[in-house]
Protein backbone atom coordinates (compact mmCIF):
# COMPACT_ATOMS: atom_id res chain seq x y z
CA MET A 1 -99.03 -55.66 14.12
CA SER A 2 -95.73 -55.79 16.05
CA LEU A 3 -94.93 -53.43 18.92
CA LYS A 4 -92.13 -51.79 16.92
CA THR A 5 -94.43 -51.11 14.00
CA ARG A 6 -97.08 -49.76 16.38
CA ALA A 7 -94.48 -47.40 17.83
CA ILE A 8 -93.52 -46.26 14.35
CA LEU A 9 -97.18 -45.72 13.52
CA VAL A 10 -97.52 -43.52 16.63
CA ILE A 11 -94.50 -41.45 15.56
CA VAL A 12 -95.74 -41.08 11.98
CA VAL A 13 -99.26 -40.19 13.07
CA GLY A 14 -97.94 -37.79 15.68
CA THR A 15 -95.77 -36.02 13.14
CA VAL A 16 -98.53 -35.77 10.56
CA MET A 17 -101.05 -34.66 13.17
CA GLY A 18 -98.62 -32.07 14.50
CA LEU A 19 -98.39 -30.59 11.04
CA SER A 20 -102.15 -30.77 10.63
CA LEU A 21 -102.70 -28.97 13.93
CA SER A 22 -100.18 -26.26 13.13
CA LEU A 23 -101.72 -25.64 9.72
CA GLY A 24 -105.35 -26.11 10.58
CA GLY A 25 -105.68 -24.85 14.16
CA GLY A 26 -108.28 -22.30 13.19
CA LEU A 27 -110.58 -24.92 11.79
CA LEU A 28 -110.15 -27.21 14.78
CA ALA A 29 -110.92 -24.32 17.10
CA ALA A 30 -114.26 -24.08 15.35
CA ASN A 31 -114.81 -27.74 16.32
CA GLN A 32 -114.69 -28.85 12.70
CA ALA A 33 -112.36 -31.71 11.87
CA PRO A 34 -110.73 -30.84 8.51
CA PRO A 35 -110.72 -33.49 5.79
CA GLU A 36 -106.91 -33.34 5.80
CA GLU A 37 -106.87 -34.76 9.33
CA ASP A 38 -108.81 -37.85 8.34
CA LEU A 39 -106.57 -38.29 5.30
CA ALA A 40 -103.45 -37.98 7.48
CA TRP A 41 -104.67 -40.72 9.81
CA GLU A 42 -105.59 -42.97 6.92
CA GLN A 43 -102.25 -42.52 5.15
CA ALA A 44 -100.34 -43.12 8.39
CA ARG A 45 -102.25 -46.36 8.92
CA LEU A 46 -101.52 -47.37 5.32
CA PHE A 47 -97.81 -46.67 5.85
CA ALA A 48 -97.72 -48.89 8.93
CA GLU A 49 -99.69 -51.61 7.14
CA VAL A 50 -97.33 -51.65 4.15
CA MET A 51 -94.27 -51.64 6.39
CA GLU A 52 -95.62 -54.58 8.39
CA ARG A 53 -96.37 -56.59 5.22
CA VAL A 54 -92.91 -55.91 3.78
CA LYS A 55 -91.20 -56.93 7.01
CA ARG A 56 -93.23 -60.12 7.25
CA ASP A 57 -93.36 -61.32 3.64
CA TYR A 58 -90.41 -59.85 1.71
CA VAL A 59 -88.03 -62.52 0.41
CA GLU A 60 -85.16 -61.22 2.59
CA PRO A 61 -85.30 -59.91 6.16
CA LEU A 62 -85.22 -56.13 6.52
CA ASP A 63 -84.88 -54.05 9.69
CA ASP A 64 -86.91 -51.00 10.60
CA ALA A 65 -84.05 -48.56 9.98
CA THR A 66 -83.57 -49.80 6.42
CA LEU A 67 -87.27 -49.60 5.63
CA LEU A 68 -87.68 -46.12 7.11
CA GLU A 69 -84.66 -44.76 5.24
CA SER A 70 -86.05 -46.24 2.02
CA ALA A 71 -89.37 -44.55 2.71
CA ILE A 72 -87.65 -41.20 3.25
CA ARG A 73 -85.56 -41.63 0.11
CA GLY A 74 -88.64 -42.49 -1.93
CA MET A 75 -90.64 -39.58 -0.55
CA VAL A 76 -88.02 -37.02 -1.62
CA ALA A 77 -87.21 -38.69 -4.95
CA ASP A 78 -90.89 -38.79 -5.91
CA LEU A 79 -91.10 -34.97 -5.79
CA ASP A 80 -89.20 -34.46 -9.04
CA ALA A 81 -86.25 -35.80 -11.01
CA HIS A 82 -83.68 -33.68 -9.15
CA SER A 83 -84.65 -33.82 -5.46
CA GLN A 84 -82.81 -36.47 -3.48
CA TYR A 85 -82.22 -37.77 0.04
CA LEU A 86 -78.50 -38.03 0.77
CA ASP A 87 -77.00 -40.37 3.32
CA ALA A 88 -73.73 -39.34 4.97
CA GLU A 89 -71.56 -40.79 2.19
CA GLU A 90 -73.65 -39.25 -0.59
CA TYR A 91 -73.65 -35.87 1.16
CA ARG A 92 -69.86 -36.05 1.47
CA ASP A 93 -69.60 -36.83 -2.24
CA ILE A 94 -71.78 -33.87 -3.24
CA ARG A 95 -69.74 -31.50 -1.06
CA ILE A 96 -66.58 -32.77 -2.73
CA SER A 97 -68.09 -32.44 -6.21
CA THR A 98 -68.56 -28.67 -5.80
CA THR A 99 -64.81 -28.38 -5.38
CA GLY A 100 -64.11 -30.23 -8.63
CA SER A 101 -64.08 -33.97 -7.85
CA TYR A 102 -66.47 -36.75 -6.86
CA THR A 103 -66.91 -40.53 -6.74
CA GLY A 104 -68.69 -42.36 -9.56
CA ILE A 105 -68.50 -43.07 -13.28
CA GLY A 106 -68.71 -39.42 -14.27
CA ILE A 107 -72.10 -38.76 -15.84
CA GLU A 108 -74.81 -36.19 -15.31
CA VAL A 109 -78.22 -37.84 -15.69
CA GLY A 110 -81.74 -36.51 -16.03
CA GLU A 111 -85.28 -37.77 -16.51
CA ILE A 112 -86.86 -37.06 -19.90
CA ASP A 113 -90.37 -38.24 -20.73
CA GLY A 114 -90.12 -40.85 -17.99
CA THR A 115 -86.78 -42.26 -19.20
CA VAL A 116 -83.40 -41.89 -17.52
CA ARG A 117 -80.93 -40.32 -19.92
CA VAL A 118 -77.35 -39.16 -19.92
CA ILE A 119 -77.14 -35.37 -20.03
CA THR A 120 -73.41 -35.57 -20.59
CA PRO A 121 -70.38 -37.63 -19.52
CA ILE A 122 -67.69 -35.66 -17.69
CA ALA A 123 -64.42 -35.31 -19.63
CA GLY A 124 -61.84 -37.91 -18.65
CA SER A 125 -64.30 -39.94 -16.57
CA PRO A 126 -64.90 -43.72 -16.83
CA ALA A 127 -68.17 -42.98 -18.68
CA ALA A 128 -66.42 -40.71 -21.19
CA ARG A 129 -63.61 -43.20 -21.79
CA SER A 130 -66.18 -45.96 -22.30
CA GLY A 131 -67.94 -43.95 -25.01
CA MET A 132 -71.20 -42.96 -23.34
CA ARG A 133 -72.86 -39.98 -25.02
CA SER A 134 -75.31 -37.22 -24.24
CA GLY A 135 -78.84 -38.48 -24.92
CA ASP A 136 -78.11 -42.17 -24.24
CA GLN A 137 -81.01 -43.81 -22.39
CA ILE A 138 -79.90 -45.91 -19.41
CA ILE A 139 -81.90 -49.12 -19.47
CA ALA A 140 -79.96 -51.34 -17.04
CA VAL A 141 -77.27 -51.17 -14.35
CA ASP A 142 -75.47 -54.42 -13.49
CA GLY A 143 -78.17 -56.28 -15.40
CA TYR A 144 -81.05 -54.81 -13.40
CA PRO A 145 -83.58 -53.12 -15.71
CA ILE A 146 -84.26 -49.46 -14.99
CA GLU A 147 -87.95 -48.70 -14.83
CA ASN A 148 -89.28 -45.47 -16.27
CA GLY A 149 -89.24 -42.63 -13.77
CA LYS A 150 -86.69 -44.33 -11.48
CA LEU A 151 -83.94 -41.69 -11.56
CA GLY A 152 -83.12 -42.03 -7.87
CA GLU A 153 -82.87 -45.81 -8.16
CA THR A 154 -80.55 -45.47 -11.14
CA MET A 155 -78.24 -43.10 -9.29
CA ALA A 156 -78.17 -45.40 -6.27
CA ARG A 157 -77.13 -48.37 -8.44
CA LEU A 158 -74.39 -46.34 -10.10
CA ARG A 159 -72.83 -45.52 -6.74
CA GLY A 160 -70.32 -47.74 -5.01
CA ARG A 161 -66.79 -48.05 -3.74
CA PRO A 162 -63.99 -46.56 -5.85
CA GLY A 163 -62.44 -49.40 -7.88
CA SER A 164 -65.58 -51.55 -7.90
CA ARG A 165 -66.96 -52.61 -11.28
CA VAL A 166 -70.29 -51.53 -12.71
CA SER A 167 -71.93 -52.32 -16.05
CA VAL A 168 -74.32 -49.84 -17.63
CA THR A 169 -76.52 -50.67 -20.62
CA VAL A 170 -77.71 -47.75 -22.72
CA LEU A 171 -80.09 -47.51 -25.63
CA ARG A 172 -78.86 -45.43 -28.57
CA ASP A 173 -80.66 -45.26 -31.93
CA GLY A 174 -82.44 -48.52 -31.12
CA ASP A 175 -79.24 -50.40 -30.23
CA ALA A 176 -78.43 -51.65 -26.71
CA ILE A 177 -74.79 -50.89 -25.84
CA LEU A 178 -73.07 -52.34 -22.76
CA HIS A 179 -70.43 -50.23 -20.96
CA ASP A 180 -68.31 -52.02 -18.37
CA MET A 181 -66.43 -49.62 -16.07
CA ARG A 182 -64.73 -49.20 -12.72
CA ARG A 183 -65.99 -46.54 -10.38
CA GLU A 184 -63.37 -43.99 -9.39
CA ILE A 185 -62.79 -40.56 -7.93
CA VAL A 186 -63.59 -38.31 -10.86
CA ARG A 187 -61.35 -35.26 -10.77
CA VAL A 188 -62.68 -32.62 -13.10
CA ALA A 189 -60.48 -29.93 -14.56
CA SER A 190 -63.18 -27.40 -15.30
CA VAL A 191 -61.38 -25.00 -17.68
CA HIS A 192 -59.23 -25.34 -20.80
CA HIS A 193 -57.95 -22.41 -22.86
CA GLU A 194 -55.90 -21.72 -25.96
CA LEU A 195 -55.38 -19.07 -28.62
CA LEU A 196 -57.01 -20.16 -31.87
CA SER A 197 -55.44 -17.30 -33.83
CA PRO A 198 -53.74 -14.05 -32.87
CA ALA A 199 -56.02 -12.21 -30.43
CA ILE A 200 -58.87 -14.79 -30.66
CA GLY A 201 -59.17 -16.87 -27.49
CA TYR A 202 -61.00 -20.08 -26.74
CA VAL A 203 -62.16 -21.18 -23.28
CA ARG A 204 -63.99 -24.44 -22.64
CA LEU A 205 -65.80 -25.21 -19.39
CA ASN A 206 -66.59 -28.78 -18.35
CA GLN A 207 -68.61 -27.90 -15.26
CA PHE A 208 -69.19 -25.09 -12.77
CA SER A 209 -67.41 -25.53 -9.44
CA GLU A 210 -66.35 -23.06 -6.76
CA THR A 211 -63.10 -22.27 -8.59
CA THR A 212 -64.41 -21.98 -12.16
CA ALA A 213 -64.73 -18.18 -12.36
CA ARG A 214 -61.17 -17.70 -11.05
CA GLU A 215 -59.89 -20.26 -13.56
CA VAL A 216 -61.65 -18.48 -16.43
CA SER A 217 -60.24 -15.11 -15.38
CA ARG A 218 -56.71 -16.55 -15.16
CA SER A 219 -57.12 -18.22 -18.56
CA ILE A 220 -58.04 -14.91 -20.18
CA ASP A 221 -55.10 -13.17 -18.48
CA ARG A 222 -52.71 -15.83 -19.76
CA MET A 223 -54.01 -15.62 -23.32
CA SER A 224 -53.74 -11.82 -23.19
CA ASP A 225 -50.14 -12.12 -22.00
CA GLU A 226 -49.40 -14.61 -24.78
CA ASN A 227 -51.00 -12.26 -27.28
CA ARG A 228 -49.14 -9.30 -25.76
CA GLY A 229 -52.34 -7.35 -25.61
CA MET A 230 -56.11 -7.57 -25.05
CA LEU A 231 -58.04 -10.22 -26.93
CA ASP A 232 -60.13 -9.14 -29.91
CA GLY A 233 -62.61 -11.95 -29.37
CA LEU A 234 -63.43 -14.97 -27.24
CA ILE A 235 -65.25 -18.24 -27.91
CA LEU A 236 -66.74 -19.67 -24.70
CA ASP A 237 -67.51 -23.37 -25.19
CA LEU A 238 -70.26 -24.71 -22.91
CA ARG A 239 -71.12 -27.77 -24.99
CA ASN A 240 -71.77 -30.92 -22.95
CA ASN A 241 -71.39 -28.90 -19.73
CA PRO A 242 -74.01 -30.29 -17.29
CA GLY A 243 -73.86 -27.33 -14.91
CA GLY A 244 -72.90 -27.27 -11.25
CA VAL A 245 -72.83 -24.49 -8.65
CA LEU A 246 -75.28 -21.67 -9.41
CA ASP A 247 -73.07 -18.99 -7.86
CA ALA A 248 -70.23 -20.10 -10.13
CA ALA A 249 -72.44 -19.50 -13.16
CA VAL A 250 -73.28 -16.03 -11.84
CA ASP A 251 -69.60 -15.25 -11.28
CA VAL A 252 -68.62 -16.43 -14.78
CA SER A 253 -71.37 -14.31 -16.34
CA ASP A 254 -70.27 -11.33 -14.25
CA LEU A 255 -66.78 -11.53 -15.74
CA PHE A 256 -68.15 -10.37 -19.10
CA LEU A 257 -70.91 -7.95 -18.04
CA ASP A 258 -70.72 -4.37 -16.77
CA SER A 259 -74.26 -4.18 -15.46
CA GLY A 260 -77.71 -5.75 -15.62
CA VAL A 261 -79.51 -8.78 -14.26
CA ILE A 262 -77.83 -12.16 -14.65
CA VAL A 263 -80.51 -14.45 -13.24
CA THR A 264 -83.57 -14.33 -11.02
CA ALA A 265 -85.23 -17.12 -9.07
CA ASP A 266 -88.69 -17.60 -7.61
CA GLY A 267 -89.74 -20.05 -4.92
CA ARG A 268 -92.00 -20.36 -1.88
CA THR A 269 -89.57 -19.11 0.77
CA SER A 270 -87.79 -15.77 0.97
CA GLU A 271 -84.42 -17.53 0.59
CA ALA A 272 -85.63 -19.13 -2.64
CA ARG A 273 -86.52 -15.75 -4.19
CA PHE A 274 -83.49 -13.81 -5.32
CA ALA A 275 -81.88 -11.85 -8.13
CA ARG A 276 -78.21 -11.70 -9.12
CA SER A 277 -76.83 -8.73 -11.04
CA ALA A 278 -73.50 -7.92 -12.68
CA HIS A 279 -70.86 -5.62 -11.22
CA ARG A 280 -68.91 -3.11 -13.25
CA GLY A 281 -65.87 -4.56 -15.03
CA ASP A 282 -65.73 -6.64 -18.22
CA VAL A 283 -62.53 -8.69 -18.43
CA LEU A 284 -62.70 -8.51 -22.24
CA ASP A 285 -63.40 -4.76 -22.26
CA GLY A 286 -66.26 -5.28 -24.69
CA ALA A 287 -64.41 -7.53 -27.15
CA GLN A 288 -66.50 -9.83 -29.34
CA MET A 289 -67.84 -13.00 -27.77
CA ILE A 290 -69.53 -16.20 -28.95
CA VAL A 291 -70.94 -18.94 -26.73
CA LEU A 292 -71.17 -22.51 -28.06
CA VAL A 293 -73.99 -24.69 -26.70
CA ASN A 294 -75.70 -27.99 -27.49
CA ALA A 295 -78.21 -30.40 -25.99
CA GLY A 296 -75.67 -31.36 -23.32
CA SER A 297 -75.48 -27.78 -22.01
CA ALA A 298 -77.63 -27.69 -18.88
CA SER A 299 -78.49 -25.77 -15.73
CA ALA A 300 -75.60 -23.42 -14.85
CA SER A 301 -74.50 -23.46 -18.51
CA GLU A 302 -77.94 -22.23 -19.47
CA ILE A 303 -77.77 -19.45 -16.87
CA VAL A 304 -74.56 -18.15 -18.48
CA ALA A 305 -75.80 -18.52 -22.06
CA GLY A 306 -79.16 -16.93 -21.21
CA ALA A 307 -77.60 -13.98 -19.38
CA LEU A 308 -75.07 -13.19 -22.11
CA GLN A 309 -77.71 -13.60 -24.81
CA ASP A 310 -80.38 -11.46 -23.13
CA GLN A 311 -77.90 -8.73 -22.23
CA GLY A 312 -76.72 -8.55 -25.85
CA ARG A 313 -73.19 -9.47 -24.81
CA ALA A 314 -72.66 -12.62 -26.87
CA LEU A 315 -73.98 -14.51 -29.86
CA ILE A 316 -75.15 -18.05 -29.06
CA VAL A 317 -74.15 -20.69 -31.64
CA GLY A 318 -75.05 -24.39 -31.71
CA THR A 319 -78.20 -26.34 -30.92
CA GLY A 320 -80.93 -25.94 -28.30
CA THR A 321 -79.81 -26.60 -24.74
CA PHE A 322 -81.06 -29.25 -22.31
CA GLY A 323 -83.67 -27.20 -20.45
CA LYS A 324 -83.04 -27.58 -16.69
CA GLY A 325 -84.38 -24.44 -15.03
CA LEU A 326 -84.74 -25.63 -11.43
CA VAL A 327 -82.56 -24.69 -8.47
CA GLN A 328 -81.67 -27.35 -5.89
CA THR A 329 -80.66 -26.42 -2.35
CA VAL A 330 -78.70 -28.91 -0.24
CA MET A 331 -80.06 -28.85 3.32
CA PRO A 332 -78.00 -30.56 6.06
CA LEU A 333 -79.75 -32.94 8.44
CA SER A 334 -78.60 -34.77 11.57
CA LYS A 335 -75.74 -37.30 11.59
CA GLY A 336 -74.11 -36.01 8.40
CA ARG A 337 -77.16 -36.55 6.19
CA ALA A 338 -78.94 -34.05 3.94
CA ILE A 339 -81.65 -33.55 1.35
CA LYS A 340 -81.15 -31.94 -2.04
CA LEU A 341 -84.46 -30.22 -2.59
CA THR A 342 -85.79 -28.27 -5.55
CA THR A 343 -86.57 -24.85 -4.07
CA SER A 344 -86.74 -22.40 -7.00
CA ARG A 345 -87.27 -21.90 -10.68
CA TYR A 346 -84.75 -19.60 -12.29
CA TYR A 347 -85.33 -17.11 -15.06
CA THR A 348 -83.14 -15.39 -17.63
CA PRO A 349 -82.86 -11.57 -17.56
CA SER A 350 -85.75 -11.32 -20.04
CA GLY A 351 -87.96 -13.19 -17.54
CA ASP A 352 -88.10 -16.45 -19.50
CA SER A 353 -87.99 -19.83 -17.81
CA ILE A 354 -85.88 -22.29 -19.77
CA HIS A 355 -87.13 -25.34 -17.88
CA GLU A 356 -87.98 -28.08 -20.40
CA THR A 357 -87.47 -25.60 -23.26
CA GLY A 358 -83.79 -24.65 -23.09
CA ILE A 359 -81.91 -21.75 -24.64
CA THR A 360 -82.53 -21.24 -28.36
CA PRO A 361 -79.28 -20.34 -30.18
CA ASP A 362 -79.04 -17.22 -32.31
CA ILE A 363 -77.29 -19.26 -35.00
CA TYR A 364 -78.32 -22.91 -35.33
CA VAL A 365 -75.50 -25.26 -36.30
CA ASP A 366 -76.03 -28.98 -35.82
CA ASP A 367 -73.58 -31.06 -33.80
CA THR A 368 -70.67 -32.68 -35.60
CA PRO A 369 -70.24 -36.30 -34.40
CA GLY A 370 -67.23 -36.55 -32.11
CA PHE A 371 -67.11 -32.86 -31.19
CA PRO A 372 -66.38 -31.43 -28.82
CA ASN A 373 -63.70 -33.89 -27.78
CA LEU A 374 -64.58 -35.10 -24.29
CA SER A 375 -60.99 -34.59 -23.16
CA LEU A 376 -60.25 -31.01 -22.16
CA THR A 377 -56.79 -31.35 -23.64
CA GLY A 378 -58.04 -32.89 -26.88
CA ALA A 379 -56.98 -31.12 -30.06
CA LEU A 380 -59.48 -28.69 -31.56
CA ASP A 381 -60.34 -29.01 -35.23
CA ARG A 382 -61.92 -25.84 -36.54
CA GLU A 383 -62.67 -27.42 -39.93
CA ALA A 384 -64.23 -30.71 -38.78
CA ASP A 385 -66.02 -29.10 -35.82
CA LEU A 386 -68.73 -27.19 -37.70
CA GLN A 387 -69.98 -25.28 -34.65
CA LEU A 388 -66.49 -24.07 -33.77
CA GLY A 389 -65.84 -23.21 -37.41
CA GLU A 390 -69.03 -21.11 -37.54
CA ALA A 391 -67.98 -19.27 -34.39
CA LEU A 392 -64.58 -18.45 -35.86
CA ASP A 393 -66.16 -17.21 -39.10
CA ARG A 394 -68.55 -15.00 -37.14
CA ILE A 395 -65.77 -13.46 -35.09
CA ALA A 396 -63.60 -12.97 -38.18
CA SER A 397 -66.44 -11.13 -39.93
CA ARG A 398 -67.09 -9.09 -36.74
CA GLY A 399 -70.76 -10.01 -36.89
CA VAL A 400 -71.08 -10.27 -33.14
CA LEU A 401 -73.14 -8.18 -30.75
CA HIS A 402 -71.14 -5.96 -28.38
CA SER A 403 -71.57 -4.91 -24.78
CA ASN A 404 -71.59 -1.29 -23.74
CA ALA A 405 -68.10 -1.52 -22.32
CA LYS A 406 -65.87 1.43 -23.19
């Protein structure tokens, strides 16, 4: 074993033993070595042994820093499908994405039954223009097969310099489809609005960023001005919205609620346990509201749909949602790095967890192929888009639940 590897072993063992001592001091004081201590030593030795073998026998030379970073990345990624180690560039990208733009091909991905699948492509992104769809299974990136359960590896292969080419092979209905794209800075306009008929507004959200709630509020104001009066109803379209910033989802929900719980979360630390409630003031003053969802509606979208459904504020129309009920916290580390760690499970006002189950719509209407249009500015078709058509019929017949706004 080399001196460098021995030094690394000492550091690893020291760290593990430090944790063991801090957690098991009482047992050690009783002069009883806990089984965890023996396991820690054994695992540390195994780590050093594997690292030495890789350095000696791997087909290409690798330095210690590369191997250790890979070990850290693997440790965090192995926790669940959403936790991730972020190097300085990745951390910078995720900070940018909360403001409405990021680098990549523009897809939200998730792990379902051990396979890596597209939750939804972002409107206007390279992935959307190439024709990738929600539910596509990613089976290869640049010709390298994606193994089951390798979400972190898939995301790493999709990253790269803006302008560089990447090919992604997806499996859809048994057919392998190759998408050849260029990576780019994906700038996401998160809100589109228009009046569908006098006094009936439509707002579509692509994602939840720091500015989304303000954009929604401005959109409603503009439609009210165009209508020369308050709206009689609103259709909020969250289809193919992969989520985003949790606080943005809370703020959007709060726009339409006068009171009540929006979301609660439970985790191991005090910071991971919280509840968010609505403040007085409904921007629609109790007007009718329908929320459109589908299998591409995830995370923050599900918080909004669940809150408005449980509080009796809106009717949910569409198909079952994706079912991502975990909260990730981004924790800065030294030298510009960070970890994105799952810290909580969130719950709808009724106390239900939607993780791996999703939000069940009040009115089930299957997706119409091609809708919603992945471009925010794409023309709406209330006849061809069956979910949108159902929402309009429901509002026209006034068969929508109301809030208690006066």
